Amino acid sequence: MLKYDSYDIVLQEIPNEISLCFTITGCQLACDGCHSEHLWNLKNGKRLSPDMFEKLLLKYCETITCVIFMGGEWCSADLLILLALAKKRFLKVALYTGLNEKQMQRKYPDLLANLDFIKTGKWISGLGGLGSSKTNQVLRNLKSGEILNKYFHH
């Protein structure tokens, strides 16, 4: 069962998109230095049902252009249902995962095939996030193949 801790409208996660962003609970990577350790526990959060998700899409349909899931690949069947609901409303969809793209392709090919954007790479504090030139993380537009990290450099 897919569960979320919170959601918000965000402007900076995907360049040129206004996104409804969900933080998903149950992350199994347990990265050192993670700022959201409470997201590791599968018991935390509220169920993100298709009905509740559709109500939020309807509520924000005039505002958003994209939906982001920060985690959730471990519940890929549930996530695929939500991706389809977003796509029906002509919204773009994105996933942030600590896995790399090759791991996603091997473990969750159906999920990867249904995304517009993916941010990959485990959090390594010494390397920083997308704004760091040393980062191991990559934000990719899966439709064009473009790496979008440059939008985060100052």
N, C-alpha and C. Protein backbone atom coordinates (compact mmCIF):
# COMPACT_ATOMS: atom_id res chain seq x y z
N MET A 1 0.84 -1.18 0.00
CA MET A 1 0.00 0.00 0.00
C MET A 1 0.89 1.24 0.00
N LEU A 2 0.61 2.15 -0.91
CA LEU A 2 1.36 3.39 -1.03
C LEU A 2 0.86 4.38 0.01
N LYS A 3 1.80 4.91 0.81
CA LYS A 3 1.45 5.86 1.86
C LYS A 3 2.31 7.10 1.71
N TYR A 4 1.70 8.25 2.05
CA TYR A 4 2.43 9.51 1.95
C TYR A 4 2.48 10.20 3.31
N ASP A 5 3.53 10.97 3.50
CA ASP A 5 3.69 11.76 4.71
C ASP A 5 3.06 13.14 4.52
N SER A 6 3.30 13.74 3.37
CA SER A 6 2.76 15.07 3.10
C SER A 6 2.73 15.30 1.60
N TYR A 7 2.05 16.37 1.21
CA TYR A 7 2.08 16.83 -0.18
C TYR A 7 2.10 18.34 -0.17
N ASP A 8 2.56 18.92 -1.27
CA ASP A 8 2.63 20.37 -1.39
C ASP A 8 2.72 20.73 -2.87
N ILE A 9 2.44 21.97 -3.18
CA ILE A 9 2.67 22.51 -4.52
C ILE A 9 4.08 23.07 -4.50
N VAL A 10 4.91 22.62 -5.45
CA VAL A 10 6.31 23.04 -5.49
C VAL A 10 6.64 23.61 -6.87
N LEU A 11 7.60 24.52 -6.88
CA LEU A 11 7.97 25.20 -8.12
C LEU A 11 9.38 24.88 -8.59
N GLN A 12 10.21 24.30 -7.72
CA GLN A 12 11.62 24.16 -8.06
C GLN A 12 12.09 22.73 -8.31
N GLU A 13 11.25 21.74 -8.11
CA GLU A 13 11.72 20.35 -8.22
C GLU A 13 11.92 19.91 -9.67
N ILE A 14 11.02 20.30 -10.55
CA ILE A 14 11.12 19.99 -11.98
C ILE A 14 11.12 21.33 -12.72
N PRO A 15 12.19 21.64 -13.46
CA PRO A 15 12.26 22.93 -14.16
C PRO A 15 11.05 23.17 -15.06
N ASN A 16 10.53 24.38 -14.99
CA ASN A 16 9.43 24.84 -15.83
C ASN A 16 8.10 24.13 -15.58
N GLU A 17 7.96 23.50 -14.42
CA GLU A 17 6.72 22.82 -14.06
C GLU A 17 6.25 23.29 -12.69
N ILE A 18 4.94 23.35 -12.51
CA ILE A 18 4.33 23.57 -11.20
C ILE A 18 3.80 22.21 -10.78
N SER A 19 4.33 21.68 -9.69
CA SER A 19 4.11 20.28 -9.36
C SER A 19 3.40 20.07 -8.04
N LEU A 20 2.54 19.07 -8.04
CA LEU A 20 1.97 18.53 -6.82
C LEU A 20 2.92 17.42 -6.39
N CYS A 21 3.55 17.61 -5.24
CA CYS A 21 4.65 16.74 -4.82
C CYS A 21 4.26 15.97 -3.56
N PHE A 22 4.39 14.65 -3.62
CA PHE A 22 4.09 13.76 -2.50
C PHE A 22 5.37 13.16 -1.94
N THR A 23 5.55 13.22 -0.62
CA THR A 23 6.65 12.49 0.02
C THR A 23 6.08 11.16 0.49
N ILE A 24 6.64 10.09 -0.02
CA ILE A 24 6.13 8.74 0.19
C ILE A 24 6.91 8.08 1.33
N THR A 25 6.20 7.35 2.19
CA THR A 25 6.86 6.66 3.30
C THR A 25 7.21 5.22 2.91
N GLY A 26 8.19 4.69 3.61
CA GLY A 26 8.63 3.31 3.39
C GLY A 26 9.94 3.17 2.65
N CYS A 27 10.71 4.24 2.54
CA CYS A 27 12.00 4.18 1.84
C CYS A 27 12.90 3.17 2.52
N GLN A 28 13.49 2.30 1.73
CA GLN A 28 14.32 1.23 2.26
C GLN A 28 15.82 1.52 2.10
N LEU A 29 16.17 2.65 1.54
CA LEU A 29 17.59 2.93 1.27
C LEU A 29 18.34 3.42 2.50
N ALA A 30 17.67 4.13 3.40
CA ALA A 30 18.26 4.62 4.64
C ALA A 30 19.63 5.28 4.40
N CYS A 31 19.63 6.29 3.55
CA CYS A 31 20.88 7.00 3.22
C CYS A 31 21.44 7.71 4.45
N ASP A 32 22.76 7.63 4.62
CA ASP A 32 23.42 8.39 5.68
C ASP A 32 23.19 9.87 5.42
N GLY A 33 22.84 10.60 6.48
CA GLY A 33 22.61 12.03 6.35
C GLY A 33 21.23 12.40 5.84
N CYS A 34 20.35 11.42 5.70
CA CYS A 34 18.99 11.69 5.23
C CYS A 34 18.31 12.69 6.17
N HIS A 35 17.68 13.71 5.61
CA HIS A 35 16.99 14.70 6.43
C HIS A 35 15.54 14.29 6.73
N SER A 36 15.14 13.11 6.28
CA SER A 36 13.74 12.69 6.45
C SER A 36 13.65 11.23 6.91
N GLU A 37 14.36 10.92 7.98
CA GLU A 37 14.39 9.53 8.45
C GLU A 37 13.00 8.98 8.79
N HIS A 38 12.08 9.85 9.15
CA HIS A 38 10.72 9.39 9.44
C HIS A 38 10.05 8.76 8.22
N LEU A 39 10.57 9.04 7.01
CA LEU A 39 10.01 8.44 5.80
C LEU A 39 10.44 7.00 5.61
N TRP A 40 11.38 6.51 6.39
CA TRP A 40 11.84 5.14 6.26
C TRP A 40 10.79 4.14 6.76
N ASN A 41 9.97 4.56 7.71
CA ASN A 41 9.04 3.65 8.37
C ASN A 41 7.77 3.46 7.53
N LEU A 42 7.52 2.21 7.12
CA LEU A 42 6.32 1.89 6.33
C LEU A 42 5.03 2.17 7.08
N LYS A 43 5.11 2.18 8.41
CA LYS A 43 3.90 2.40 9.21
C LYS A 43 3.50 3.87 9.26
N ASN A 44 4.42 4.76 8.96
CA ASN A 44 4.12 6.20 8.98
C ASN A 44 3.32 6.58 7.75
N GLY A 45 2.58 7.66 7.86
CA GLY A 45 1.87 8.21 6.72
C GLY A 45 0.43 7.77 6.62
N LYS A 46 -0.21 8.31 5.58
CA LYS A 46 -1.61 8.02 5.28
C LYS A 46 -1.68 7.36 3.91
N ARG A 47 -2.65 6.51 3.71
CA ARG A 47 -2.80 5.80 2.43
C ARG A 47 -3.09 6.81 1.32
N LEU A 48 -2.37 6.66 0.23
CA LEU A 48 -2.61 7.47 -0.96
C LEU A 48 -3.46 6.65 -1.91
N SER A 49 -4.76 6.69 -1.69
CA SER A 49 -5.70 5.90 -2.49
C SER A 49 -5.94 6.60 -3.83
N PRO A 50 -6.34 5.85 -4.85
CA PRO A 50 -6.68 6.48 -6.12
C PRO A 50 -7.79 7.53 -5.98
N ASP A 51 -8.77 7.27 -5.12
CA ASP A 51 -9.87 8.21 -4.91
C ASP A 51 -9.35 9.53 -4.31
N MET A 52 -8.53 9.43 -3.29
CA MET A 52 -7.98 10.63 -2.66
C MET A 52 -7.07 11.38 -3.64
N PHE A 53 -6.28 10.64 -4.41
CA PHE A 53 -5.38 11.23 -5.39
C PHE A 53 -6.19 12.00 -6.45
N GLU A 54 -7.27 11.40 -6.93
CA GLU A 54 -8.10 12.07 -7.94
C GLU A 54 -8.73 13.35 -7.38
N LYS A 55 -9.14 13.32 -6.13
CA LYS A 55 -9.71 14.52 -5.51
C LYS A 55 -8.67 15.65 -5.47
N LEU A 56 -7.41 15.30 -5.17
CA LEU A 56 -6.36 16.32 -5.15
C LEU A 56 -6.06 16.83 -6.56
N LEU A 57 -6.07 15.94 -7.54
CA LEU A 57 -5.86 16.38 -8.92
C LEU A 57 -6.95 17.35 -9.36
N LEU A 58 -8.18 17.04 -9.00
CA LEU A 58 -9.30 17.92 -9.33
C LEU A 58 -9.15 19.27 -8.62
N LYS A 59 -8.77 19.24 -7.36
CA LYS A 59 -8.61 20.46 -6.58
C LYS A 59 -7.55 21.38 -7.19
N TYR A 60 -6.44 20.81 -7.68
CA TYR A 60 -5.32 21.61 -8.16
C TYR A 60 -5.18 21.63 -9.68
N CYS A 61 -6.19 21.13 -10.40
CA CYS A 61 -6.05 20.97 -11.85
C CYS A 61 -5.78 22.28 -12.59
N GLU A 62 -6.23 23.39 -12.06
CA GLU A 62 -5.99 24.68 -12.72
C GLU A 62 -4.60 25.25 -12.40
N THR A 63 -3.89 24.61 -11.48
CA THR A 63 -2.61 25.14 -11.01
C THR A 63 -1.42 24.31 -11.48
N ILE A 64 -1.53 22.99 -11.40
CA ILE A 64 -0.37 22.12 -11.60
C ILE A 64 -0.21 21.67 -13.05
N THR A 65 1.04 21.33 -13.39
CA THR A 65 1.37 20.76 -14.70
C THR A 65 2.05 19.40 -14.55
N CYS A 66 2.37 19.02 -13.31
CA CYS A 66 3.17 17.82 -13.07
C CYS A 66 2.84 17.27 -11.68
N VAL A 67 3.03 15.97 -11.51
CA VAL A 67 2.92 15.33 -10.21
C VAL A 67 4.24 14.63 -9.93
N ILE A 68 4.79 14.84 -8.73
CA ILE A 68 6.06 14.23 -8.33
C ILE A 68 5.82 13.29 -7.16
N PHE A 69 6.44 12.14 -7.23
CA PHE A 69 6.46 11.20 -6.11
C PHE A 69 7.89 11.11 -5.63
N MET A 70 8.10 11.52 -4.39
CA MET A 70 9.43 11.39 -3.79
C MET A 70 9.47 10.03 -3.12
N GLY A 71 9.89 9.05 -3.90
CA GLY A 71 9.87 7.66 -3.48
C GLY A 71 8.60 6.99 -3.92
N GLY A 72 8.51 5.70 -3.57
CA GLY A 72 7.31 4.94 -3.88
C GLY A 72 7.49 3.82 -4.87
N GLU A 73 8.67 3.74 -5.47
CA GLU A 73 8.89 2.68 -6.47
C GLU A 73 8.69 1.29 -5.88
N TRP A 74 8.87 1.15 -4.57
CA TRP A 74 8.69 -0.14 -3.91
C TRP A 74 7.22 -0.58 -3.91
N CYS A 75 6.32 0.33 -4.25
CA CYS A 75 4.89 0.02 -4.40
C CYS A 75 4.51 0.31 -5.85
N SER A 76 5.24 -0.28 -6.79
CA SER A 76 5.11 0.10 -8.19
C SER A 76 3.71 -0.13 -8.75
N ALA A 77 3.04 -1.20 -8.36
CA ALA A 77 1.69 -1.46 -8.88
C ALA A 77 0.73 -0.33 -8.49
N ASP A 78 0.79 0.11 -7.23
CA ASP A 78 -0.04 1.22 -6.77
C ASP A 78 0.35 2.52 -7.47
N LEU A 79 1.64 2.72 -7.62
CA LEU A 79 2.14 3.95 -8.25
C LEU A 79 1.72 4.01 -9.72
N LEU A 80 1.73 2.89 -10.40
CA LEU A 80 1.32 2.87 -11.81
C LEU A 80 -0.14 3.30 -11.98
N ILE A 81 -0.99 2.95 -11.05
CA ILE A 81 -2.39 3.36 -11.09
C ILE A 81 -2.49 4.88 -10.98
N LEU A 82 -1.71 5.46 -10.08
CA LEU A 82 -1.74 6.92 -9.88
C LEU A 82 -1.14 7.65 -11.09
N LEU A 83 -0.08 7.08 -11.66
CA LEU A 83 0.51 7.69 -12.85
C LEU A 83 -0.51 7.74 -13.98
N ALA A 84 -1.27 6.67 -14.15
CA ALA A 84 -2.29 6.62 -15.20
C ALA A 84 -3.37 7.67 -14.96
N LEU A 85 -3.75 7.87 -13.71
CA LEU A 85 -4.76 8.89 -13.39
C LEU A 85 -4.25 10.30 -13.71
N ALA A 86 -2.99 10.55 -13.41
CA ALA A 86 -2.40 11.85 -13.72
C ALA A 86 -2.30 12.06 -15.23
N LYS A 87 -1.89 11.02 -15.93
CA LYS A 87 -1.74 11.10 -17.39
C LYS A 87 -3.09 11.35 -18.06
N LYS A 88 -4.16 10.80 -17.50
CA LYS A 88 -5.50 11.04 -18.05
C LYS A 88 -5.86 12.51 -18.02
N ARG A 89 -5.29 13.23 -17.08
CA ARG A 89 -5.52 14.68 -16.96
C ARG A 89 -4.42 15.47 -17.67
N PHE A 90 -3.62 14.79 -18.47
CA PHE A 90 -2.57 15.41 -19.26
C PHE A 90 -1.50 16.07 -18.40
N LEU A 91 -1.26 15.49 -17.24
CA LEU A 91 -0.21 15.98 -16.35
C LEU A 91 1.06 15.17 -16.60
N LYS A 92 2.20 15.80 -16.43
CA LYS A 92 3.48 15.10 -16.47
C LYS A 92 3.68 14.45 -15.11
N VAL A 93 4.52 13.40 -15.10
CA VAL A 93 4.77 12.69 -13.85
C VAL A 93 6.26 12.47 -13.65
N ALA A 94 6.66 12.54 -12.38
CA ALA A 94 8.08 12.43 -12.03
C ALA A 94 8.24 11.56 -10.80
N LEU A 95 9.40 10.93 -10.70
CA LEU A 95 9.76 10.12 -9.54
C LEU A 95 11.15 10.52 -9.09
N TYR A 96 11.29 10.71 -7.78
CA TYR A 96 12.61 10.86 -7.17
C TYR A 96 12.92 9.54 -6.49
N THR A 97 14.06 8.95 -6.82
CA THR A 97 14.46 7.68 -6.23
C THR A 97 15.95 7.69 -5.91
N GLY A 98 16.33 6.95 -4.91
CA GLY A 98 17.74 6.78 -4.58
C GLY A 98 18.41 5.72 -5.43
N LEU A 99 17.63 5.00 -6.21
CA LEU A 99 18.21 4.00 -7.12
C LEU A 99 18.81 4.73 -8.31
N ASN A 100 19.65 4.02 -9.07
CA ASN A 100 20.13 4.62 -10.31
C ASN A 100 19.24 4.16 -11.46
N GLU A 101 19.42 4.74 -12.63
CA GLU A 101 18.52 4.45 -13.75
C GLU A 101 18.59 2.99 -14.19
N LYS A 102 19.78 2.41 -14.12
CA LYS A 102 19.94 1.01 -14.50
C LYS A 102 19.18 0.10 -13.53
N GLN A 103 19.24 0.41 -12.24
CA GLN A 103 18.48 -0.37 -11.25
C GLN A 103 16.98 -0.22 -11.49
N MET A 104 16.54 0.98 -11.81
CA MET A 104 15.12 1.20 -12.11
C MET A 104 14.70 0.38 -13.33
N GLN A 105 15.53 0.38 -14.35
CA GLN A 105 15.21 -0.37 -15.57
C GLN A 105 15.11 -1.86 -15.28
N ARG A 106 15.98 -2.35 -14.44
CA ARG A 106 15.99 -3.78 -14.11
C ARG A 106 14.83 -4.16 -13.19
N LYS A 107 14.57 -3.35 -12.16
CA LYS A 107 13.58 -3.70 -11.15
C LYS A 107 12.17 -3.20 -11.46
N TYR A 108 12.06 -2.03 -12.11
CA TYR A 108 10.76 -1.40 -12.32
C TYR A 108 10.62 -0.85 -13.74
N PRO A 109 10.78 -1.70 -14.77
CA PRO A 109 10.74 -1.18 -16.15
C PRO A 109 9.39 -0.56 -16.52
N ASP A 110 8.29 -1.11 -16.03
CA ASP A 110 6.96 -0.55 -16.35
C ASP A 110 6.82 0.85 -15.76
N LEU A 111 7.33 1.03 -14.57
CA LEU A 111 7.27 2.33 -13.92
C LEU A 111 8.09 3.34 -14.71
N LEU A 112 9.30 2.97 -15.03
CA LEU A 112 10.19 3.86 -15.78
C LEU A 112 9.57 4.26 -17.11
N ALA A 113 8.91 3.33 -17.77
CA ALA A 113 8.30 3.60 -19.08
C ALA A 113 7.14 4.58 -19.00
N ASN A 114 6.57 4.78 -17.83
CA ASN A 114 5.41 5.64 -17.67
C ASN A 114 5.71 7.00 -17.06
N LEU A 115 6.98 7.30 -16.84
CA LEU A 115 7.41 8.57 -16.25
C LEU A 115 7.85 9.56 -17.31
N ASP A 116 7.72 10.84 -17.00
CA ASP A 116 8.26 11.89 -17.85
C ASP A 116 9.63 12.34 -17.35
N PHE A 117 9.80 12.34 -16.03
CA PHE A 117 11.05 12.77 -15.40
C PHE A 117 11.43 11.78 -14.32
N ILE A 118 12.75 11.63 -14.13
CA ILE A 118 13.23 10.82 -13.00
C ILE A 118 14.48 11.47 -12.43
N LYS A 119 14.50 11.55 -11.11
CA LYS A 119 15.70 11.96 -10.40
C LYS A 119 16.24 10.70 -9.75
N THR A 120 17.46 10.35 -10.08
CA THR A 120 18.08 9.13 -9.57
C THR A 120 19.31 9.47 -8.74
N GLY A 121 19.69 8.52 -7.90
CA GLY A 121 20.93 8.65 -7.13
C GLY A 121 20.70 8.77 -5.65
N LYS A 122 21.31 7.88 -4.94
CA LYS A 122 21.24 7.87 -3.48
C LYS A 122 21.84 9.17 -2.94
N TRP A 123 21.26 9.67 -1.84
CA TRP A 123 21.79 10.87 -1.20
C TRP A 123 23.14 10.56 -0.57
N ILE A 124 24.16 11.28 -0.97
CA ILE A 124 25.50 11.21 -0.37
C ILE A 124 25.87 12.63 0.01
N SER A 125 25.84 12.91 1.31
CA SER A 125 25.97 14.30 1.77
C SER A 125 27.25 14.96 1.27
N GLY A 126 28.33 14.25 1.17
CA GLY A 126 29.59 14.83 0.72
C GLY A 126 29.57 15.24 -0.75
N LEU A 127 28.62 14.72 -1.50
CA LEU A 127 28.52 15.05 -2.92
C LEU A 127 27.45 16.10 -3.20
N GLY A 128 26.52 16.25 -2.28
CA GLY A 128 25.47 17.25 -2.42
C GLY A 128 24.37 16.83 -3.38
N GLY A 129 23.42 17.75 -3.55
CA GLY A 129 22.26 17.51 -4.40
C GLY A 129 22.47 18.03 -5.80
N LEU A 130 21.38 18.27 -6.50
CA LEU A 130 21.44 18.66 -7.91
C LEU A 130 22.19 19.96 -8.15
N GLY A 131 22.27 20.82 -7.16
CA GLY A 131 22.98 22.08 -7.32
C GLY A 131 24.49 21.96 -7.23
N SER A 132 24.98 20.80 -6.86
CA SER A 132 26.42 20.58 -6.69
C SER A 132 27.03 19.99 -7.96
N SER A 133 28.18 20.49 -8.35
CA SER A 133 28.87 19.94 -9.52
C SER A 133 29.46 18.56 -9.22
N LYS A 134 29.54 18.18 -7.94
CA LYS A 134 30.08 16.88 -7.55
C LYS A 134 29.00 15.81 -7.37
N THR A 135 27.74 16.16 -7.49
CA THR A 135 26.65 15.25 -7.14
C THR A 135 26.65 13.97 -7.97
N ASN A 136 26.18 12.92 -7.35
CA ASN A 136 25.95 11.66 -8.05
C ASN A 136 24.51 11.58 -8.55
N GLN A 137 23.69 12.56 -8.19
CA GLN A 137 22.28 12.54 -8.55
C GLN A 137 22.07 13.15 -9.94
N VAL A 138 21.07 12.61 -10.65
CA VAL A 138 20.77 13.06 -12.00
C VAL A 138 19.27 13.25 -12.13
N LEU A 139 18.86 14.40 -12.65
CA LEU A 139 17.46 14.63 -13.00
C LEU A 139 17.38 14.59 -14.52
N ARG A 140 16.58 13.65 -15.04
CA ARG A 140 16.51 13.45 -16.49
C ARG A 140 15.07 13.60 -16.98
N ASN A 141 14.94 14.28 -18.10
CA ASN A 141 13.69 14.30 -18.85
C ASN A 141 13.71 13.01 -19.67
N LEU A 142 12.85 12.08 -19.34
CA LEU A 142 12.87 10.77 -20.00
C LEU A 142 12.33 10.81 -21.42
N LYS A 143 11.59 11.84 -21.76
CA LYS A 143 11.05 11.96 -23.12
C LYS A 143 12.11 12.48 -24.09
N SER A 144 12.91 13.45 -23.64
CA SER A 144 13.94 14.03 -24.51
C SER A 144 15.32 13.45 -24.24
N GLY A 145 15.51 12.85 -23.07
CA GLY A 145 16.83 12.36 -22.68
C GLY A 145 17.70 13.42 -22.02
N GLU A 146 17.24 14.67 -22.01
CA GLU A 146 18.04 15.77 -21.48
C GLU A 146 18.25 15.63 -19.97
N ILE A 147 19.50 15.84 -19.55
CA ILE A 147 19.82 15.91 -18.13
C ILE A 147 19.58 17.34 -17.69
N LEU A 148 18.80 17.50 -16.61
CA LEU A 148 18.32 18.82 -16.19
C LEU A 148 19.09 19.41 -15.03
N ASN A 149 20.18 18.80 -14.61
CA ASN A 149 20.95 19.29 -13.47
C ASN A 149 21.39 20.74 -13.63
N LYS A 150 21.65 21.16 -14.85
CA LYS A 150 22.15 22.52 -15.10
C LYS A 150 21.19 23.59 -14.57
N TYR A 151 19.91 23.27 -14.46
CA TYR A 151 18.93 24.24 -13.97
C TYR A 151 19.08 24.51 -12.47
N PHE A 152 19.86 23.69 -11.78
CA PHE A 152 20.02 23.83 -10.34
C PHE A 152 21.35 24.46 -9.96
N HIS A 153 22.25 24.65 -10.91
CA HIS A 153 23.55 25.26 -10.65
C HIS A 153 23.39 26.77 -10.58
N HIS A 154 24.08 27.37 -9.65
CA HIS A 154 23.98 28.83 -9.48
C HIS A 154 25.19 29.51 -10.05
